[in-house]
Amino acid sequence: MLRTRSDISAVIFDMDGLMFNTERIAIEAWQRAGRTYHCEIPEALIIQSIGRDVHDTRMLYEQALGSTFDFDCARALRIRYTDDIIEQRGIPLKKGLLELLDLLENHVVLTAVATSTERSRAEVLLEKARLSVRFDAVVYGDEVPHGKPAPDIFLLAADRLRVKPQQCIVLEDSNSGILSAAKAKMRPFMIPDIEPPAQGIDTVADRIFPDLHAVTAYLEGILATR
């Protein structure tokens, strides 16, 4: 149980669905890409792939849609559609994100991003959102051998921050991310987005919050305690 500021060395953030309200954009873009290739991609399949890296997502789609489904071409088109939507609408930040980052900065708590998205895309999104300078480290999906729910990405984030995993809080919206953080021996906080909490995930997550405002309110009380 977290009691005082000394229990927290760092807070590690997932990106899509946690910092950015981009999962709904991804669903829209995937379905548009599928229709271009005369394939109806079920929303449930897209939601199932949330938090997964490219390798795992490819396996999920090919298992569900068959080996004739050209995942790489459809994904490339999905990325183009996503970029078009973001260009038109901007990057939608999750409510409460900036206030949470301000709180952590004021209390000198280290922060990192650990995203399943590959570096080439994640860097662009972070720059467009003007958030790159707000984090002490970033780990990308193509920097680790095994994606979530394996613990690799969070362990690398802790290593780059030079902190013990046990003193890291992880903020995640996906079930696979929560499992990943738990395997890394960190404290997983779930803030669900599109994917609902899986049965039993409440026994894995330290806490489940409705939004980032609630996370800020909770941490504010702990960080003020010495």
C-alpha atoms as a PDB file:
ATOM      1  CA  MET A   1       0.000   0.000   0.000  1.00  0.00           C
ATOM      2  CA  LEU A   2       1.231   3.473  -0.897  1.00  0.00           C
ATOM      3  CA  ARG A   3       1.541   5.664   2.181  1.00  0.00           C
ATOM      4  CA  THR A   4       4.047   8.470   1.626  1.00  0.00           C
ATOM      5  CA  ARG A   5       6.065  10.268  -1.051  1.00  0.00           C
ATOM      6  CA  SER A   6       8.999   7.936  -0.342  1.00  0.00           C
ATOM      7  CA  ASP A   7       6.985   4.989  -1.689  1.00  0.00           C
ATOM      8  CA  ILE A   8       6.958   6.504  -5.200  1.00  0.00           C
ATOM      9  CA  SER A   9      10.068   6.894  -7.357  1.00  0.00           C
ATOM     10  CA  ALA A  10       8.387   7.194 -10.754  1.00  0.00           C
ATOM     11  CA  VAL A  11       5.119   7.139 -12.653  1.00  0.00           C
ATOM     12  CA  ILE A  12       5.106   5.395 -16.041  1.00  0.00           C
ATOM     13  CA  PHE A  13       2.431   6.292 -18.588  1.00  0.00           C
ATOM     14  CA  ASP A  14       0.984   4.278 -21.425  1.00  0.00           C
ATOM     15  CA  MET A  15       0.280   6.538 -24.412  1.00  0.00           C
ATOM     16  CA  ASP A  16      -2.691   5.662 -26.665  1.00  0.00           C
ATOM     17  CA  GLY A  17      -5.931   5.476 -24.715  1.00  0.00           C
ATOM     18  CA  LEU A  18      -4.264   6.745 -21.551  1.00  0.00           C
ATOM     19  CA  MET A  19      -2.605  10.037 -22.488  1.00  0.00           C
ATOM     20  CA  PHE A  20      -4.227  10.461 -25.886  1.00  0.00           C
ATOM     21  CA  ASN A  21      -7.862   9.828 -26.728  1.00  0.00           C
ATOM     22  CA  THR A  22      -6.789   8.019 -29.886  1.00  0.00           C
ATOM     23  CA  GLU A  23      -8.299   4.549 -29.542  1.00  0.00           C
ATOM     24  CA  ARG A  24     -11.610   5.694 -31.055  1.00  0.00           C
ATOM     25  CA  ILE A  25      -9.667   7.225 -33.931  1.00  0.00           C
ATOM     26  CA  ALA A  26      -7.879   3.885 -34.392  1.00  0.00           C
ATOM     27  CA  ILE A  27     -11.192   2.016 -34.561  1.00  0.00           C
ATOM     28  CA  GLU A  28     -12.536   4.421 -37.179  1.00  0.00           C
ATOM     29  CA  ALA A  29      -9.322   4.238 -39.222  1.00  0.00           C
ATOM     30  CA  TRP A  30      -9.054   0.425 -39.044  1.00  0.00           C
ATOM     31  CA  GLN A  31     -12.627  -0.008 -40.213  1.00  0.00           C
ATOM     32  CA  ARG A  32     -12.149   2.437 -43.096  1.00  0.00           C
ATOM     33  CA  ALA A  33      -8.983   0.594 -44.114  1.00  0.00           C
ATOM     34  CA  GLY A  34     -10.762  -2.751 -43.934  1.00  0.00           C
ATOM     35  CA  ARG A  35     -13.608  -1.547 -46.143  1.00  0.00           C
ATOM     36  CA  THR A  36     -11.062  -0.311 -48.691  1.00  0.00           C
ATOM     37  CA  TYR A  37      -9.854  -3.936 -48.889  1.00  0.00           C
ATOM     38  CA  HIS A  38     -13.444  -5.250 -48.927  1.00  0.00           C
ATOM     39  CA  CYS A  39     -13.164  -6.592 -45.390  1.00  0.00           C
ATOM     40  CA  GLU A  40     -15.358  -5.717 -42.427  1.00  0.00           C
ATOM     41  CA  ILE A  41     -13.075  -5.606 -39.385  1.00  0.00           C
ATOM     42  CA  PRO A  42     -15.129  -6.220 -36.231  1.00  0.00           C
ATOM     43  CA  GLU A  43     -14.838  -3.516 -33.590  1.00  0.00           C
ATOM     44  CA  ALA A  44     -14.369  -6.251 -30.976  1.00  0.00           C
ATOM     45  CA  LEU A  45     -11.225  -7.436 -32.792  1.00  0.00           C
ATOM     46  CA  ILE A  46      -9.757  -3.938 -32.839  1.00  0.00           C
ATOM     47  CA  ILE A  47     -10.487  -3.535 -29.130  1.00  0.00           C
ATOM     48  CA  GLN A  48      -8.880  -6.909 -28.447  1.00  0.00           C
ATOM     49  CA  SER A  49      -5.649  -5.645 -30.019  1.00  0.00           C
ATOM     50  CA  ILE A  50      -5.464  -2.535 -27.810  1.00  0.00           C
ATOM     51  CA  GLY A  51      -2.140  -2.360 -25.979  1.00  0.00           C
ATOM     52  CA  ARG A  52      -0.544  -5.021 -28.192  1.00  0.00           C
ATOM     53  CA  ASP A  53       2.524  -4.521 -30.346  1.00  0.00           C
ATOM     54  CA  VAL A  54       2.540  -4.949 -34.130  1.00  0.00           C
ATOM     55  CA  HIS A  55       3.599  -8.611 -34.009  1.00  0.00           C
ATOM     56  CA  ASP A  56       0.797  -9.645 -31.652  1.00  0.00           C
ATOM     57  CA  THR A  57      -1.758  -7.517 -33.511  1.00  0.00           C
ATOM     58  CA  ARG A  58      -0.832  -9.164 -36.804  1.00  0.00           C
ATOM     59  CA  MET A  59      -1.375 -12.620 -35.277  1.00  0.00           C
ATOM     60  CA  LEU A  60      -4.766 -11.617 -33.852  1.00  0.00           C
ATOM     61  CA  TYR A  61      -5.966 -10.197 -37.182  1.00  0.00           C
ATOM     62  CA  GLU A  62      -4.724 -13.095 -39.279  1.00  0.00           C
ATOM     63  CA  GLN A  63      -6.296 -15.624 -36.911  1.00  0.00           C
ATOM     64  CA  ALA A  64      -9.626 -13.797 -37.045  1.00  0.00           C
ATOM     65  CA  LEU A  65      -9.673 -12.713 -40.691  1.00  0.00           C
ATOM     66  CA  GLY A  66      -7.633 -15.443 -42.349  1.00  0.00           C
ATOM     67  CA  SER A  67      -4.221 -15.565 -43.957  1.00  0.00           C
ATOM     68  CA  THR A  68      -5.521 -13.878 -47.118  1.00  0.00           C
ATOM     69  CA  PHE A  69      -6.072 -10.648 -45.167  1.00  0.00           C
ATOM     70  CA  ASP A  70      -3.180  -8.336 -46.073  1.00  0.00           C
ATOM     71  CA  PHE A  71      -2.456  -7.020 -42.601  1.00  0.00           C
ATOM     72  CA  ASP A  72       0.571  -4.899 -43.541  1.00  0.00           C
ATOM     73  CA  CYS A  73      -1.174  -3.079 -46.377  1.00  0.00           C
ATOM     74  CA  ALA A  74      -4.315  -2.523 -44.313  1.00  0.00           C
ATOM     75  CA  ARG A  75      -2.242  -1.287 -41.370  1.00  0.00           C
ATOM     76  CA  ALA A  76      -0.336   1.139 -43.584  1.00  0.00           C
ATOM     77  CA  LEU A  77      -3.653   2.508 -44.827  1.00  0.00           C
ATOM     78  CA  ARG A  78      -4.975   2.653 -41.247  1.00  0.00           C
ATOM     79  CA  ILE A  79      -1.954   4.756 -40.263  1.00  0.00           C
ATOM     80  CA  ARG A  80      -2.579   7.109 -43.191  1.00  0.00           C
ATOM     81  CA  TYR A  81      -6.229   7.494 -42.228  1.00  0.00           C
ATOM     82  CA  THR A  82      -5.224   8.069 -38.587  1.00  0.00           C
ATOM     83  CA  ASP A  83      -2.754  10.749 -39.625  1.00  0.00           C
ATOM     84  CA  ASP A  84      -5.430  12.436 -41.748  1.00  0.00           C
ATOM     85  CA  ILE A  85      -7.867  12.483 -38.826  1.00  0.00           C
ATOM     86  CA  ILE A  86      -5.255  13.847 -36.421  1.00  0.00           C
ATOM     87  CA  GLU A  87      -4.238  16.479 -38.971  1.00  0.00           C
ATOM     88  CA  GLN A  88      -7.850  17.617 -39.171  1.00  0.00           C
ATOM     89  CA  ARG A  89      -8.785  17.352 -35.482  1.00  0.00           C
ATOM     90  CA  GLY A  90      -5.459  17.557 -33.638  1.00  0.00           C
ATOM     91  CA  ILE A  91      -4.279  15.136 -30.957  1.00  0.00           C
ATOM     92  CA  PRO A  92      -6.995  14.814 -28.327  1.00  0.00           C
ATOM     93  CA  LEU A  93      -5.411  14.789 -24.865  1.00  0.00           C
ATOM     94  CA  LYS A  94      -7.166  12.899 -22.119  1.00  0.00           C
ATOM     95  CA  LYS A  95      -8.793  15.190 -19.575  1.00  0.00           C
ATOM     96  CA  GLY A  96      -6.627  15.648 -16.502  1.00  0.00           C
ATOM     97  CA  LEU A  97      -3.342  14.671 -18.168  1.00  0.00           C
ATOM     98  CA  LEU A  98      -1.647  18.072 -17.918  1.00  0.00           C
ATOM     99  CA  GLU A  99      -2.772  18.575 -14.325  1.00  0.00           C
ATOM    100  CA  LEU A 100      -1.328  15.168 -13.393  1.00  0.00           C
ATOM    101  CA  LEU A 101       1.980  15.949 -15.084  1.00  0.00           C
ATOM    102  CA  ASP A 102       2.104  19.292 -13.254  1.00  0.00           C
ATOM    103  CA  LEU A 103       1.553  17.551  -9.915  1.00  0.00           C
ATOM    104  CA  LEU A 104       4.334  15.028 -10.539  1.00  0.00           C
ATOM    105  CA  GLU A 105       6.711  17.734 -11.720  1.00  0.00           C
ATOM    106  CA  ASN A 106       5.986  19.870  -8.655  1.00  0.00           C
ATOM    107  CA  HIS A 107       6.802  16.942  -6.372  1.00  0.00           C
ATOM    108  CA  VAL A 108       9.892  15.962  -8.410  1.00  0.00           C
ATOM    109  CA  VAL A 109       8.560  12.518  -9.331  1.00  0.00           C
ATOM    110  CA  LEU A 110      10.245  10.950 -12.361  1.00  0.00           C
ATOM    111  CA  THR A 111       8.015  10.159 -15.339  1.00  0.00           C
ATOM    112  CA  ALA A 112       8.276   7.941 -18.409  1.00  0.00           C
ATOM    113  CA  VAL A 113       6.187   6.846 -21.373  1.00  0.00           C
ATOM    114  CA  ALA A 114       6.074   3.134 -22.204  1.00  0.00           C
ATOM    115  CA  THR A 115       4.100   2.645 -25.403  1.00  0.00           C
ATOM    116  CA  SER A 116       3.521  -0.343 -27.673  1.00  0.00           C
ATOM    117  CA  THR A 117       3.634   2.074 -30.616  1.00  0.00           C
ATOM    118  CA  GLU A 118       6.867   2.020 -32.597  1.00  0.00           C
ATOM    119  CA  ARG A 119       9.338   4.902 -32.243  1.00  0.00           C
ATOM    120  CA  SER A 120       8.743   6.432 -35.692  1.00  0.00           C
ATOM    121  CA  ARG A 121       5.067   7.071 -34.914  1.00  0.00           C
ATOM    122  CA  ALA A 122       5.163   7.693 -31.168  1.00  0.00           C
ATOM    123  CA  GLU A 123       7.845  10.375 -31.445  1.00  0.00           C
ATOM    124  CA  VAL A 124       5.724  12.302 -33.928  1.00  0.00           C
ATOM    125  CA  LEU A 125       2.626  12.113 -31.715  1.00  0.00           C
ATOM    126  CA  LEU A 126       4.511  13.221 -28.606  1.00  0.00           C
ATOM    127  CA  GLU A 127       6.081  16.119 -30.498  1.00  0.00           C
ATOM    128  CA  LYS A 128       2.762  17.218 -31.994  1.00  0.00           C
ATOM    129  CA  ALA A 129       1.223  17.161 -28.527  1.00  0.00           C
ATOM    130  CA  ARG A 130       4.243  19.111 -27.179  1.00  0.00           C
ATOM    131  CA  LEU A 131       4.774  16.507 -24.492  1.00  0.00           C
ATOM    132  CA  SER A 132       8.227  15.122 -25.287  1.00  0.00           C
ATOM    133  CA  VAL A 133       9.898  17.521 -22.854  1.00  0.00           C
ATOM    134  CA  ARG A 134       7.543  16.545 -20.027  1.00  0.00           C
ATOM    135  CA  PHE A 135       9.033  13.049 -19.587  1.00  0.00           C
ATOM    136  CA  ASP A 136      12.368  11.830 -18.264  1.00  0.00           C
ATOM    137  CA  ALA A 137      12.370   8.730 -20.487  1.00  0.00           C
ATOM    138  CA  VAL A 138      10.412   7.116 -23.315  1.00  0.00           C
ATOM    139  CA  VAL A 139      10.365   3.443 -24.297  1.00  0.00           C
ATOM    140  CA  TYR A 140       8.869   2.405 -27.636  1.00  0.00           C
ATOM    141  CA  GLY A 141       7.279  -0.866 -28.687  1.00  0.00           C
ATOM    142  CA  ASP A 142      10.019  -1.698 -31.183  1.00  0.00           C
ATOM    143  CA  GLU A 143      12.729  -1.411 -28.512  1.00  0.00           C
ATOM    144  CA  VAL A 144      11.807  -4.585 -26.625  1.00  0.00           C
ATOM    145  CA  PRO A 145      11.738  -8.226 -27.727  1.00  0.00           C
ATOM    146  CA  HIS A 146       8.337  -8.976 -26.205  1.00  0.00           C
ATOM    147  CA  GLY A 147       5.345  -6.639 -26.121  1.00  0.00           C
ATOM    148  CA  LYS A 148       2.671  -6.317 -23.460  1.00  0.00           C
ATOM    149  CA  PRO A 149       1.521  -8.386 -21.561  1.00  0.00           C
ATOM    150  CA  ALA A 150       5.206  -9.328 -21.146  1.00  0.00           C
ATOM    151  CA  PRO A 151       6.971  -7.044 -18.615  1.00  0.00           C
ATOM    152  CA  ASP A 152       9.860  -6.018 -20.903  1.00  0.00           C
ATOM    153  CA  ILE A 153       8.742  -2.492 -21.762  1.00  0.00           C
ATOM    154  CA  PHE A 154       8.142  -1.423 -18.163  1.00  0.00           C
ATOM    155  CA  LEU A 155      11.368  -2.980 -16.901  1.00  0.00           C
ATOM    156  CA  LEU A 156      13.301  -1.074 -19.559  1.00  0.00           C
ATOM    157  CA  ALA A 157      11.544   2.149 -18.518  1.00  0.00           C
ATOM    158  CA  ALA A 158      12.560   1.593 -14.878  1.00  0.00           C
ATOM    159  CA  ASP A 159      16.115   0.858 -15.984  1.00  0.00           C
ATOM    160  CA  ARG A 160      16.305   4.095 -17.967  1.00  0.00           C
ATOM    161  CA  LEU A 161      14.961   6.037 -15.012  1.00  0.00           C
ATOM    162  CA  ARG A 162      17.358   4.166 -12.706  1.00  0.00           C
ATOM    163  CA  VAL A 163      14.636   3.288 -10.218  1.00  0.00           C
ATOM    164  CA  LYS A 164      13.423   0.064  -8.614  1.00  0.00           C
ATOM    165  CA  PRO A 165      10.372  -1.494 -10.319  1.00  0.00           C
ATOM    166  CA  GLN A 166       8.667  -1.890  -6.938  1.00  0.00           C
ATOM    167  CA  GLN A 167       8.591   1.904  -6.543  1.00  0.00           C
ATOM    168  CA  CYS A 168       7.001   2.572  -9.929  1.00  0.00           C
ATOM    169  CA  ILE A 169       3.336   3.298 -10.567  1.00  0.00           C
ATOM    170  CA  VAL A 170       2.081   2.359 -14.030  1.00  0.00           C
ATOM    171  CA  LEU A 171      -0.941   4.103 -15.554  1.00  0.00           C
ATOM    172  CA  GLU A 172      -2.673   1.899 -18.132  1.00  0.00           C
ATOM    173  CA  ASP A 173      -6.008   1.702 -19.912  1.00  0.00           C
ATOM    174  CA  SER A 174      -5.648  -1.839 -21.293  1.00  0.00           C
ATOM    175  CA  ASN A 175      -5.860  -5.234 -19.643  1.00  0.00           C
ATOM    176  CA  SER A 176      -2.645  -6.370 -21.348  1.00  0.00           C
ATOM    177  CA  GLY A 177      -0.863  -3.302 -19.970  1.00  0.00           C
ATOM    178  CA  ILE A 178      -2.059  -4.012 -16.435  1.00  0.00           C
ATOM    179  CA  LEU A 179      -0.822  -7.610 -16.700  1.00  0.00           C
ATOM    180  CA  SER A 180       2.503  -6.346 -18.054  1.00  0.00           C
ATOM    181  CA  ALA A 181       2.996  -3.928 -15.159  1.00  0.00           C
ATOM    182  CA  ALA A 182       2.084  -6.578 -12.601  1.00  0.00           C
ATOM    183  CA  LYS A 183       4.625  -8.996 -14.100  1.00  0.00           C
ATOM    184  CA  ALA A 184       7.219  -6.226 -13.797  1.00  0.00           C
ATOM    185  CA  LYS A 185       6.423  -6.084 -10.028  1.00  0.00           C
ATOM    186  CA  MET A 186       5.157  -2.514 -10.350  1.00  0.00           C
ATOM    187  CA  ARG A 187       1.939  -0.921  -9.076  1.00  0.00           C
ATOM    188  CA  PRO A 188      -0.621  -0.970 -11.919  1.00  0.00           C
ATOM    189  CA  PHE A 189      -3.327   1.711 -11.875  1.00  0.00           C
ATOM    190  CA  MET A 190      -6.059   1.129 -14.461  1.00  0.00           C
ATOM    191  CA  ILE A 191      -7.966   3.970 -16.097  1.00  0.00           C
ATOM    192  CA  PRO A 192     -10.211   2.117 -18.568  1.00  0.00           C
ATOM    193  CA  ASP A 193     -10.858   3.622 -21.987  1.00  0.00           C
ATOM    194  CA  ILE A 194     -12.626   1.606 -24.693  1.00  0.00           C
ATOM    195  CA  GLU A 195     -11.587  -1.850 -23.526  1.00  0.00           C
ATOM    196  CA  PRO A 196     -13.543  -2.736 -20.366  1.00  0.00           C
ATOM    197  CA  PRO A 197     -11.719  -4.251 -17.386  1.00  0.00           C
ATOM    198  CA  ALA A 198     -11.431  -8.005 -17.835  1.00  0.00           C
ATOM    199  CA  GLN A 199     -12.925 -10.339 -15.280  1.00  0.00           C
ATOM    200  CA  GLY A 200     -10.492 -10.611 -12.358  1.00  0.00           C
ATOM    201  CA  ILE A 201      -8.322  -7.671 -13.464  1.00  0.00           C
ATOM    202  CA  ASP A 202      -9.276  -5.887 -10.237  1.00  0.00           C
ATOM    203  CA  THR A 203      -7.209  -8.470  -8.371  1.00  0.00           C
ATOM    204  CA  VAL A 204      -4.177  -7.551 -10.519  1.00  0.00           C
ATOM    205  CA  ALA A 205      -4.521  -3.768 -10.623  1.00  0.00           C
ATOM    206  CA  ASP A 206      -3.654  -1.872  -7.456  1.00  0.00           C
ATOM    207  CA  ARG A 207      -6.513   0.505  -8.173  1.00  0.00           C
ATOM    208  CA  ILE A 208      -9.037   1.295 -10.910  1.00  0.00           C
ATOM    209  CA  PHE A 209      -9.874   4.967 -11.500  1.00  0.00           C
ATOM    210  CA  PRO A 210     -12.580   6.542 -13.672  1.00  0.00           C
ATOM    211  CA  ASP A 211     -10.226   9.175 -15.133  1.00  0.00           C
ATOM    212  CA  LEU A 212      -6.898  10.966 -14.699  1.00  0.00           C
ATOM    213  CA  HIS A 213      -8.474  13.626 -12.484  1.00  0.00           C
ATOM    214  CA  ALA A 214      -9.152  10.883  -9.935  1.00  0.00           C
ATOM    215  CA  VAL A 215      -5.537   9.681 -10.191  1.00  0.00           C
ATOM    216  CA  THR A 216      -4.316  13.218  -9.521  1.00  0.00           C
ATOM    217  CA  ALA A 217      -6.574  13.582  -6.475  1.00  0.00           C
ATOM    218  CA  TYR A 218      -5.359  10.251  -5.071  1.00  0.00           C
ATOM    219  CA  LEU A 219      -1.658  10.942  -5.630  1.00  0.00           C
ATOM    220  CA  GLU A 220      -1.937  14.500  -4.357  1.00  0.00           C
ATOM    221  CA  GLY A 221      -2.780  13.210  -0.891  1.00  0.00           C
ATOM    222  CA  ILE A 222       0.111  10.722  -0.881  1.00  0.00           C
ATOM    223  CA  LEU A 223       2.737  13.063  -2.326  1.00  0.00           C
ATOM    224  CA  ALA A 224       1.934  15.647   0.339  1.00  0.00           C
ATOM    225  CA  THR A 225       2.790  13.049   3.026  1.00  0.00           C
ATOM    226  CA  ARG A 226       6.428  12.729   4.041  1.00  0.00           C
END
